């Protein structure tokens, strides 16, 4: 018989849990990457929200100051 026939060909022995280990490693890597991207995007959005909130608070403070000046006696217009 030839040395390459299926009866004599031997495959290297691999642990039975090798494939699930590789799959779980890659899944953990993908999950870690997604978590890192979510944290970075969340921080970026949070900074943008804080800036818009400060702008809105300053506009409200200006409006309240103008309304307060309108209610003082002795001023016209």
C-alpha atoms as a PDB file:
ATOM      1  CA  UNK A   1       0.000   0.000   0.000  1.00  0.00           C
ATOM      2  CA  UNK A   2       0.977   3.581  -0.533  1.00  0.00           C
ATOM      3  CA  UNK A   3       1.985   5.627   2.519  1.00  0.00           C
ATOM      4  CA  UNK A   4      -0.713   8.219   1.802  1.00  0.00           C
ATOM      5  CA  UNK A   5      -3.677   5.860   1.846  1.00  0.00           C
ATOM      6  CA  UNK A   6      -6.378   6.673   4.395  1.00  0.00           C
ATOM      7  CA  UNK A   7      -5.712   3.503   6.369  1.00  0.00           C
ATOM      8  CA  UNK A   8      -2.138   4.452   7.203  1.00  0.00           C
ATOM      9  CA  UNK A   9      -2.446   8.236   7.337  1.00  0.00           C
ATOM     10  CA  UNK A  10      -2.381   9.603  10.875  1.00  0.00           C
ATOM     11  CA  UNK A  11      -3.585  13.012  11.975  1.00  0.00           C
ATOM     12  CA  UNK A  12      -1.807  14.828  14.762  1.00  0.00           C
ATOM     13  CA  UNK A  13      -3.569  14.354  18.052  1.00  0.00           C
ATOM     14  CA  UNK A  14      -5.406  17.491  19.147  1.00  0.00           C
ATOM     15  CA  UNK A  15      -7.135  18.025  22.435  1.00  0.00           C
ATOM     16  CA  UNK A  16     -10.888  17.560  22.090  1.00  0.00           C
ATOM     17  CA  UNK A  17     -11.644  21.036  23.438  1.00  0.00           C
ATOM     18  CA  UNK A  18      -9.271  22.898  21.124  1.00  0.00           C
ATOM     19  CA  UNK A  19     -11.934  24.297  18.770  1.00  0.00           C
ATOM     20  CA  UNK A  20     -14.304  25.590  21.481  1.00  0.00           C
ATOM     21  CA  UNK A  21     -11.331  27.209  23.212  1.00  0.00           C
ATOM     22  CA  UNK A  22     -10.371  29.041  20.020  1.00  0.00           C
ATOM     23  CA  UNK A  23     -13.959  30.100  19.378  1.00  0.00           C
ATOM     24  CA  UNK A  24     -14.384  31.401  22.926  1.00  0.00           C
ATOM     25  CA  UNK A  25     -11.058  33.256  22.767  1.00  0.00           C
ATOM     26  CA  UNK A  26     -12.109  35.035  19.609  1.00  0.00           C
ATOM     27  CA  UNK A  27     -15.565  35.747  21.007  1.00  0.00           C
ATOM     28  CA  UNK A  28     -13.983  37.223  24.135  1.00  0.00           C
ATOM     29  CA  UNK A  29     -11.698  39.364  21.985  1.00  0.00           C
ATOM     30  CA  UNK A  30     -14.599  40.640  19.911  1.00  0.00           C
ATOM     31  CA  UNK A  31     -16.627  41.350  23.065  1.00  0.00           C
ATOM     32  CA  UNK A  32     -13.716  43.282  24.587  1.00  0.00           C
ATOM     33  CA  UNK A  33     -13.289  45.320  21.403  1.00  0.00           C
ATOM     34  CA  UNK A  34     -17.008  46.131  21.257  1.00  0.00           C
ATOM     35  CA  UNK A  35     -16.986  47.137  24.927  1.00  0.00           C
ATOM     36  CA  UNK A  36     -13.994  49.420  24.371  1.00  0.00           C
ATOM     37  CA  UNK A  37     -15.673  51.080  21.380  1.00  0.00           C
ATOM     38  CA  UNK A  38     -18.898  51.528  23.389  1.00  0.00           C
ATOM     39  CA  UNK A  39     -17.007  53.158  26.271  1.00  0.00           C
ATOM     40  CA  UNK A  40     -15.152  55.536  23.932  1.00  0.00           C
ATOM     41  CA  UNK A  41     -18.318  56.511  22.052  1.00  0.00           C
ATOM     42  CA  UNK A  42     -20.237  56.906  25.315  1.00  0.00           C
ATOM     43  CA  UNK A  43     -17.582  59.230  26.701  1.00  0.00           C
ATOM     44  CA  UNK A  44     -17.592  61.270  23.519  1.00  0.00           C
ATOM     45  CA  UNK A  45     -21.397  61.584  23.542  1.00  0.00           C
ATOM     46  CA  UNK A  46     -21.371  62.421  27.244  1.00  0.00           C
ATOM     47  CA  UNK A  47     -18.934  65.297  26.650  1.00  0.00           C
ATOM     48  CA  UNK A  48     -21.138  66.608  23.832  1.00  0.00           C
ATOM     49  CA  UNK A  49     -24.231  66.390  26.064  1.00  0.00           C
ATOM     50  CA  UNK A  50     -22.474  68.255  28.877  1.00  0.00           C
ATOM     51  CA  UNK A  51     -21.479  71.081  26.526  1.00  0.00           C
ATOM     52  CA  UNK A  52     -25.015  71.450  25.170  1.00  0.00           C
ATOM     53  CA  UNK A  53     -26.420  71.364  28.703  1.00  0.00           C
ATOM     54  CA  UNK A  54     -24.072  74.171  29.791  1.00  0.00           C
ATOM     55  CA  UNK A  55     -25.096  76.229  26.748  1.00  0.00           C
ATOM     56  CA  UNK A  56     -28.779  75.714  27.575  1.00  0.00           C
ATOM     57  CA  UNK A  57     -28.214  76.668  31.221  1.00  0.00           C
ATOM     58  CA  UNK A  58     -26.438  79.874  30.192  1.00  0.00           C
ATOM     59  CA  UNK A  59     -29.288  80.777  27.813  1.00  0.00           C
ATOM     60  CA  UNK A  60     -31.825  80.156  30.575  1.00  0.00           C
ATOM     61  CA  UNK A  61     -29.818  82.279  33.022  1.00  0.00           C
ATOM     62  CA  UNK A  62     -29.679  85.122  30.485  1.00  0.00           C
ATOM     63  CA  UNK A  63     -33.434  84.890  29.923  1.00  0.00           C
ATOM     64  CA  UNK A  64     -34.168  84.931  33.657  1.00  0.00           C
ATOM     65  CA  UNK A  65     -31.862  87.946  34.112  1.00  0.00           C
ATOM     66  CA  UNK A  66     -33.656  89.828  31.332  1.00  0.00           C
ATOM     67  CA  UNK A  67     -37.055  88.968  32.799  1.00  0.00           C
ATOM     68  CA  UNK A  68     -35.865  90.108  36.215  1.00  0.00           C
ATOM     69  CA  UNK A  69     -34.775  93.457  34.828  1.00  0.00           C
ATOM     70  CA  UNK A  70     -38.143  93.962  33.136  1.00  0.00           C
ATOM     71  CA  UNK A  71     -39.956  93.563  36.448  1.00  0.00           C
ATOM     72  CA  UNK A  72     -37.979  96.232  38.313  1.00  0.00           C
ATOM     73  CA  UNK A  73     -39.843  99.508  38.914  1.00  0.00           C
ATOM     74  CA  UNK A  74     -38.585 102.719  37.379  1.00  0.00           C
ATOM     75  CA  UNK A  75     -37.350 101.287  34.085  1.00  0.00           C
ATOM     76  CA  UNK A  76     -39.113 101.729  30.783  1.00  0.00           C
ATOM     77  CA  UNK A  77     -38.920  99.726  27.652  1.00  0.00           C
END
